Amino acid sequence: MKRQRYPFASAFDDRHGKRRWRFRRKGYPTHYFKAPYGTKEFEREYAACLDGEPIKPGAARLKHGSVSDVIARYYADNAFLDLRVSTQTVYRGVLENFRKVFGDDPIARFDAERIARLMTSMRHKPHAAARLRKLLAQLFTVARRAKLVHSGFDSVKDTKAPKTEGDGYHRWTEDELAAFEAKHTLGTKPRLAFALLLYGAQRSGDVRVMTHATIAEGRIQLAQSKTSSAVDVPVVPPLRDALDAGPLGKVTLLENKSGEPFSAKGFANMIKKAAIAAGLPHCSAHGLRKSAARRCREAGCSHEEGMAITGHKTEKEYLRYAGDSTKSARADAAMGKVMANRSKSLASAAAQAVENEEVLP
């Protein structure tokens, strides 16, 4: 029996006679595809659908004015619907976790004091706290418009998310990269994923849905799902070796044990387990993209050249990934100038002293 290319996706003719596709899976939200069937954009939408949170029994019975009620209204609002599918998936994950704990609570009970306590309880996860705080502001906008709270209700503005330490995900060192390659040889799925992340310099969300068409011209050509930045990166020899060794999936380059594209969580877990096996428990998939940017910086690439590979839209974000490995050199140069200037000043003072002695009677 021939395996269906996109399980849970089916075609239908709409009322205008136009052929369309939709995602239907028991317990999951129905999604109507915007992109044409089989395109890279279609595959990204499909991967996002596989990541979708299952619908829980009784989800339609919401308490009026509750957190669950406001979240449901937000999902139907243009503020959410206009987001990219990948962003919707991330936001939905945050809100569904919040709903599990506070779903039946009235939204009006979330005053500044309660949100401040919530932010404090999440100090160990500062990035997650900041994202939740941002989404709570969106929920309050929806709640005010629906008159579930009074017009001036905005508890978020009087709170602050915990301060983030460091620069996020660990940037792999050269020794760590070598250790991973030594543990996971060519011809293994972790090594293939590793090569696509490091030598392709793309986000996990794009790597896990790359198809054979993405690299058909000997280049990685795609529109990044997060920013829509178009990238056109050559497939360099180490990546070509990994692709030739495989194992490659039938549709996406990387497929899970069921022959389907990896979910975001499944992909992250695969890299994490492989990193742990290589003695690198502090390393993650996202850190490989940062290592790729670091390599660009250390090779003397201009910011524009590095950004052409990573797809970053701003130098600030690119440099946050690439890091700054030249600080010590710049510090040496600066201190050299300081000491040279000091020596010059001392020499000038000494010469002036000699001159003064010569003119004395």
Protein backbone atom coordinates (compact mmCIF):
# COMPACT_ATOMS: atom_id res chain seq x y z
CA MET A 1 0.00 0.00 0.00
CA LYS A 2 1.38 3.36 -1.01
CA ARG A 3 2.10 5.62 1.96
CA GLN A 4 0.18 8.89 1.93
CA ARG A 5 2.52 11.82 1.43
CA TYR A 6 0.79 14.04 3.99
CA PRO A 7 -1.22 11.97 6.48
CA PHE A 8 -4.18 13.94 7.93
CA ALA A 9 -4.21 16.32 4.93
CA SER A 10 -7.07 15.91 2.44
CA ALA A 11 -8.31 17.77 -0.63
CA PHE A 12 -11.79 19.18 -1.22
CA ASP A 13 -13.53 21.57 -3.61
CA ASP A 14 -14.81 24.78 -2.02
CA ARG A 15 -18.07 26.51 -3.01
CA HIS A 16 -16.28 28.25 -5.89
CA GLY A 17 -15.10 24.93 -7.27
CA LYS A 18 -11.51 25.62 -6.27
CA ARG A 19 -9.43 22.69 -5.04
CA ARG A 20 -8.19 23.30 -1.48
CA TRP A 21 -6.47 21.28 1.25
CA ARG A 22 -7.17 20.98 4.96
CA PHE A 23 -5.56 19.29 7.95
CA ARG A 24 -7.92 17.10 9.99
CA ARG A 25 -6.70 14.89 12.82
CA LYS A 26 -8.82 13.62 15.68
CA GLY A 27 -8.39 15.83 18.71
CA TYR A 28 -6.39 18.50 16.82
CA PRO A 29 -7.50 21.89 15.41
CA THR A 30 -8.60 21.85 11.77
CA HIS A 31 -6.38 23.94 9.50
CA TYR A 32 -7.06 25.15 5.95
CA PHE A 33 -3.83 25.47 4.00
CA LYS A 34 -2.96 28.81 2.47
CA ALA A 35 0.01 27.63 0.39
CA PRO A 36 -0.28 25.47 -2.76
CA TYR A 37 -0.04 21.71 -2.22
CA GLY A 38 3.47 20.28 -2.13
CA THR A 39 5.32 23.60 -1.89
CA LYS A 40 7.85 24.38 0.82
CA GLU A 41 5.34 26.76 2.40
CA PHE A 42 2.72 23.98 2.42
CA GLU A 43 5.17 21.67 4.18
CA ARG A 44 5.88 24.32 6.84
CA GLU A 45 2.16 24.70 7.50
CA TYR A 46 1.82 20.93 7.68
CA ALA A 47 4.69 20.64 10.18
CA ALA A 48 3.08 23.37 12.30
CA CYS A 49 -0.20 21.43 12.28
CA LEU A 50 1.59 18.34 13.58
CA ASP A 51 2.91 20.48 16.44
CA GLY A 52 -0.58 21.75 17.29
CA GLU A 53 -1.98 21.25 20.78
CA PRO A 54 -4.71 18.59 20.88
CA ILE A 55 -8.19 19.88 21.63
CA LYS A 56 -9.27 18.74 25.06
CA PRO A 57 -12.74 17.26 25.64
CA GLY A 58 -15.18 19.91 26.77
CA ALA A 59 -12.98 22.73 25.44
CA ALA A 60 -16.01 24.43 23.92
CA ARG A 61 -17.70 24.83 27.33
CA LEU A 62 -15.97 27.95 28.57
CA LYS A 63 -16.79 30.08 31.57
CA HIS A 64 -17.69 33.58 30.50
CA GLY A 65 -14.87 35.98 31.37
CA SER A 66 -12.46 33.19 32.31
CA VAL A 67 -8.86 32.92 31.12
CA SER A 68 -9.93 30.11 28.77
CA ASP A 69 -12.68 32.33 27.36
CA VAL A 70 -10.22 35.15 26.62
CA ILE A 71 -7.66 32.79 25.10
CA ALA A 72 -10.32 31.38 22.77
CA ARG A 73 -11.28 34.94 21.75
CA TYR A 74 -7.62 35.76 21.14
CA TYR A 75 -7.22 32.73 18.85
CA ALA A 76 -10.10 34.10 16.74
CA ASP A 77 -8.70 37.65 16.70
CA ASN A 78 -6.71 39.16 13.82
CA ALA A 79 -3.86 39.85 16.24
CA PHE A 80 -3.33 36.08 16.36
CA LEU A 81 -4.60 35.05 12.91
CA ASP A 82 -2.21 37.45 11.14
CA LEU A 83 0.82 35.83 12.75
CA ARG A 84 2.93 33.31 10.89
CA VAL A 85 1.93 29.69 11.44
CA SER A 86 5.21 28.95 13.23
CA THR A 87 4.67 31.90 15.59
CA GLN A 88 1.07 30.82 16.23
CA THR A 89 2.38 27.40 17.25
CA VAL A 90 4.80 28.90 19.77
CA TYR A 91 2.20 31.29 21.21
CA ARG A 92 -0.41 28.55 21.41
CA GLY A 93 2.00 26.38 23.37
CA VAL A 94 2.61 29.15 25.92
CA LEU A 95 -1.08 29.97 26.32
CA GLU A 96 -2.21 26.35 26.57
CA ASN A 97 0.27 25.76 29.39
CA PHE A 98 -1.09 28.87 31.11
CA ARG A 99 -4.65 27.66 30.52
CA LYS A 100 -3.93 24.28 32.16
CA VAL A 101 -3.27 26.04 35.47
CA PHE A 102 -5.50 29.13 35.35
CA GLY A 103 -8.10 28.34 32.67
CA ASP A 104 -11.16 28.63 34.93
CA ASP A 105 -9.95 31.76 36.78
CA PRO A 106 -11.65 35.04 35.85
CA ILE A 107 -9.29 37.20 33.79
CA ALA A 108 -10.21 40.15 36.02
CA ARG A 109 -8.42 38.52 38.96
CA PHE A 110 -5.05 38.93 37.29
CA ASP A 111 -4.08 42.25 38.78
CA ALA A 112 -0.53 43.62 38.83
CA GLU A 113 0.26 41.98 42.17
CA ARG A 114 -0.71 38.53 40.94
CA ILE A 115 1.22 38.89 37.69
CA ALA A 116 4.26 40.15 39.59
CA ARG A 117 4.16 37.04 41.78
CA LEU A 118 3.85 34.90 38.65
CA MET A 119 6.91 36.59 37.11
CA THR A 120 8.86 36.01 40.32
CA SER A 121 7.93 32.32 40.32
CA MET A 122 9.40 32.07 36.80
CA ARG A 123 12.79 33.61 37.58
CA HIS A 124 14.45 30.33 36.61
CA LYS A 125 12.88 30.69 33.13
CA PRO A 126 13.30 34.39 32.27
CA HIS A 127 12.71 34.03 28.53
CA ALA A 128 9.49 32.08 29.10
CA ALA A 129 8.37 34.67 31.65
CA ALA A 130 8.94 37.53 29.21
CA ARG A 131 6.99 35.76 26.48
CA LEU A 132 4.07 35.01 28.82
CA ARG A 133 4.00 38.64 30.00
CA LYS A 134 3.87 39.80 26.38
CA LEU A 135 0.95 37.46 25.63
CA LEU A 136 -0.93 38.51 28.78
CA ALA A 137 -0.90 42.05 27.42
CA GLN A 138 -2.56 40.73 24.26
CA LEU A 139 -5.18 38.90 26.32
CA PHE A 140 -6.02 42.06 28.29
CA THR A 141 -6.52 43.96 25.03
CA VAL A 142 -9.03 41.33 23.91
CA ALA A 143 -10.69 41.32 27.34
CA ARG A 144 -11.10 45.11 27.38
CA ARG A 145 -12.60 45.10 23.91
CA ALA A 146 -15.08 42.38 24.96
CA LYS A 147 -15.89 44.37 28.14
CA LEU A 148 -14.80 41.48 30.34
CA VAL A 149 -12.70 43.98 32.32
CA HIS A 150 -12.99 47.76 32.67
CA SER A 151 -11.50 50.01 29.99
CA GLY A 152 -8.44 50.97 32.02
CA PHE A 153 -7.54 47.44 33.11
CA ASP A 154 -3.91 46.70 32.19
CA SER A 155 -2.02 44.85 34.90
CA VAL A 156 1.04 44.13 32.77
CA LYS A 157 2.39 47.68 32.55
CA ASP A 158 3.04 47.75 36.30
CA THR A 159 5.08 44.52 36.24
CA LYS A 160 8.50 43.47 34.99
CA ALA A 161 9.78 40.16 33.67
CA PRO A 162 12.88 38.71 35.38
CA LYS A 163 16.20 39.80 33.94
CA THR A 164 17.82 37.36 31.55
CA GLU A 165 21.39 36.31 32.21
CA GLY A 166 23.94 35.58 29.51
CA ASP A 167 23.15 35.54 25.79
CA GLY A 168 20.72 32.63 25.60
CA TYR A 169 21.55 29.23 24.15
CA HIS A 170 25.15 28.06 24.54
CA ARG A 171 27.29 28.66 21.46
CA TRP A 172 29.16 25.42 20.69
CA THR A 173 32.97 25.62 20.75
CA GLU A 174 35.18 23.99 18.14
CA ASP A 175 36.12 21.25 20.62
CA GLU A 176 32.44 20.53 21.27
CA LEU A 177 31.68 20.38 17.55
CA ALA A 178 34.54 17.92 17.06
CA ALA A 179 33.34 15.79 20.00
CA PHE A 180 29.85 15.49 18.50
CA GLU A 181 31.22 14.48 15.09
CA ALA A 182 33.50 11.91 16.72
CA LYS A 183 30.56 10.33 18.56
CA HIS A 184 28.01 10.44 15.72
CA THR A 185 29.55 9.29 12.46
CA LEU A 186 28.33 9.98 8.94
CA GLY A 187 25.30 7.91 8.03
CA THR A 188 23.43 8.58 11.28
CA LYS A 189 20.38 10.79 11.65
CA PRO A 190 21.88 12.95 14.45
CA ARG A 191 24.95 13.65 12.29
CA LEU A 192 22.77 14.64 9.32
CA ALA A 193 20.71 16.99 11.49
CA PHE A 194 23.90 18.39 13.01
CA ALA A 195 25.37 19.10 9.57
CA LEU A 196 22.22 20.82 8.31
CA LEU A 197 22.11 23.05 11.40
CA LEU A 198 25.82 23.91 11.46
CA TYR A 199 26.75 24.12 7.78
CA GLY A 200 23.35 25.38 6.67
CA ALA A 201 23.19 27.93 9.53
CA GLN A 202 19.39 27.78 9.59
CA ARG A 203 16.85 27.56 12.41
CA SER A 204 15.61 24.19 13.63
CA GLY A 205 12.09 25.11 12.49
CA ASP A 206 13.34 25.37 8.90
CA VAL A 207 15.82 22.48 8.99
CA ARG A 208 13.30 19.89 10.14
CA VAL A 209 10.93 20.63 7.22
CA MET A 210 13.57 20.97 4.48
CA THR A 211 12.67 18.84 1.45
CA HIS A 212 14.75 17.45 -1.38
CA ALA A 213 13.62 20.43 -3.44
CA THR A 214 15.25 22.76 -0.91
CA ILE A 215 18.71 21.53 -1.94
CA ALA A 216 17.95 20.49 -5.52
CA GLU A 217 20.29 23.09 -7.05
CA GLY A 218 23.20 22.28 -4.77
CA ARG A 219 22.22 25.19 -2.57
CA ILE A 220 19.92 25.65 0.40
CA GLN A 221 17.20 27.88 -0.99
CA LEU A 222 14.27 28.80 1.23
CA ALA A 223 12.23 31.59 2.75
CA GLN A 224 12.75 31.40 6.49
CA SER A 225 9.54 30.59 8.32
CA LYS A 226 10.15 33.08 11.15
CA THR A 227 11.12 36.19 9.18
CA SER A 228 10.41 35.28 5.51
CA SER A 229 14.04 36.20 4.76
CA ALA A 230 15.13 34.50 1.54
CA VAL A 231 18.41 32.62 1.89
CA ASP A 232 20.52 31.03 -0.82
CA VAL A 233 23.40 29.18 0.86
CA PRO A 234 25.82 26.84 -0.96
CA VAL A 235 25.91 23.21 0.14
CA VAL A 236 29.54 23.01 1.33
CA PRO A 237 31.54 19.73 1.22
CA PRO A 238 30.98 18.66 4.88
CA LEU A 239 27.24 19.07 4.41
CA ARG A 240 27.32 17.29 1.05
CA ASP A 241 29.14 14.38 2.70
CA ALA A 242 26.41 14.16 5.37
CA LEU A 243 23.64 14.33 2.77
CA ASP A 244 25.28 11.63 0.65
CA ALA A 245 25.63 9.38 3.71
CA GLY A 246 22.02 9.99 4.80
CA PRO A 247 19.67 8.62 5.94
CA LEU A 248 17.34 10.87 3.93
CA GLY A 249 13.56 10.83 4.23
CA LYS A 250 11.21 10.45 1.27
CA VAL A 251 9.67 13.92 1.55
CA THR A 252 11.59 15.89 4.16
CA LEU A 253 15.33 15.36 4.47
CA LEU A 254 14.83 14.37 8.10
CA GLU A 255 11.97 12.10 9.14
CA ASN A 256 11.08 10.52 12.46
CA LYS A 257 10.58 6.79 13.07
CA SER A 258 7.04 7.02 11.66
CA GLY A 259 8.30 8.47 8.38
CA GLU A 260 6.85 11.91 9.14
CA PRO A 261 8.50 15.31 9.59
CA PHE A 262 9.83 15.87 13.09
CA SER A 263 7.77 17.96 15.47
CA ALA A 264 9.60 20.86 17.11
CA LYS A 265 9.82 18.97 20.40
CA GLY A 266 10.83 15.71 18.76
CA PHE A 267 13.62 17.36 16.79
CA ALA A 268 14.98 19.22 19.81
CA ASN A 269 14.91 16.01 21.85
CA MET A 270 16.81 14.08 19.18
CA ILE A 271 19.64 16.65 19.15
CA LYS A 272 19.66 16.92 22.94
CA LYS A 273 19.92 13.12 23.40
CA ALA A 274 22.71 12.96 20.82
CA ALA A 275 24.55 15.81 22.55
CA ILE A 276 24.26 14.09 25.92
CA ALA A 277 25.61 10.88 24.39
CA ALA A 278 28.61 12.90 23.18
CA GLY A 279 29.19 14.26 26.70
CA LEU A 280 27.70 17.67 25.84
CA PRO A 281 24.55 17.98 27.99
CA HIS A 282 24.71 21.79 27.90
CA CYS A 283 24.58 21.94 24.08
CA SER A 284 21.40 22.30 22.00
CA ALA A 285 20.25 22.49 18.41
CA HIS A 286 19.85 26.27 18.49
CA GLY A 287 23.42 26.68 19.67
CA LEU A 288 24.68 25.21 16.39
CA ARG A 289 23.25 28.14 14.44
CA LYS A 290 25.10 30.47 16.80
CA SER A 291 28.30 28.50 16.15
CA ALA A 292 27.78 28.93 12.40
CA ALA A 293 27.50 32.70 12.91
CA ARG A 294 30.61 32.66 15.12
CA ARG A 295 32.56 30.92 12.39
CA CYS A 296 31.54 33.62 9.93
CA ARG A 297 32.74 36.30 12.33
CA GLU A 298 36.05 34.57 13.07
CA ALA A 299 36.69 34.01 9.34
CA GLY A 300 36.60 37.77 8.81
CA CYS A 301 33.25 37.84 6.99
CA SER A 302 31.60 41.23 6.84
CA HIS A 303 28.33 41.60 8.71
CA GLU A 304 26.49 41.63 5.37
CA GLU A 305 28.17 38.39 4.28
CA GLY A 306 27.35 36.65 7.57
CA MET A 307 23.76 37.86 7.48
CA ALA A 308 23.38 36.52 3.94
CA ILE A 309 24.05 33.05 5.36
CA THR A 310 22.07 33.20 8.61
CA GLY A 311 19.22 35.32 7.23
CA HIS A 312 19.27 37.80 10.12
CA LYS A 313 17.68 41.12 9.24
CA THR A 314 19.62 43.33 11.66
CA GLU A 315 23.30 43.56 12.54
CA LYS A 316 22.40 43.68 16.22
CA GLU A 317 20.70 40.28 16.11
CA TYR A 318 23.42 38.80 13.92
CA LEU A 319 26.15 39.96 16.31
CA ARG A 320 24.21 38.55 19.26
CA TYR A 321 24.51 35.16 17.56
CA ALA A 322 28.05 35.56 16.23
CA GLY A 323 29.45 36.82 19.52
CA ASP A 324 32.55 38.95 19.75
CA SER A 325 35.79 37.01 19.67
CA THR A 326 37.87 40.15 18.95
CA LYS A 327 37.37 41.97 22.25
CA SER A 328 40.73 40.91 23.63
CA ALA A 329 42.52 42.03 20.46
CA ARG A 330 40.77 45.39 20.56
CA ALA A 331 41.58 45.73 24.26
CA ASP A 332 45.26 44.99 23.52
CA ALA A 333 45.29 47.60 20.77
CA ALA A 334 43.59 50.18 22.97
CA MET A 335 45.94 49.58 25.91
CA GLY A 336 48.90 49.75 23.53
CA LYS A 337 47.77 53.20 22.43
CA VAL A 338 47.31 54.29 26.04
CA MET A 339 50.81 53.18 27.02
CA ALA A 340 52.34 54.70 23.90
CA ASN A 341 50.66 58.00 24.67
CA ARG A 342 51.86 57.80 28.28
CA SER A 343 55.44 57.16 27.13
CA LYS A 344 55.18 60.11 24.78
CA SER A 345 53.93 62.34 27.59
CA LEU A 346 56.74 61.23 29.93
CA ALA A 347 59.35 61.79 27.24
CA SER A 348 57.95 65.25 26.55
CA ALA A 349 57.98 66.10 30.26
CA ALA A 350 61.58 64.88 30.60
CA ALA A 351 62.68 66.93 27.59
CA GLN A 352 61.00 70.01 29.04
CA ALA A 353 62.78 69.48 32.38
CA VAL A 354 66.18 69.29 30.62
CA GLU A 355 65.41 72.44 28.68
CA ASN A 356 64.47 74.30 31.86
CA GLU A 357 67.77 73.27 33.54
CA GLU A 358 69.77 74.56 30.58
CA VAL A 359 68.28 78.06 30.78
CA LEU A 360 68.90 78.40 34.53
CA PRO A 361 71.73 80.93 35.40
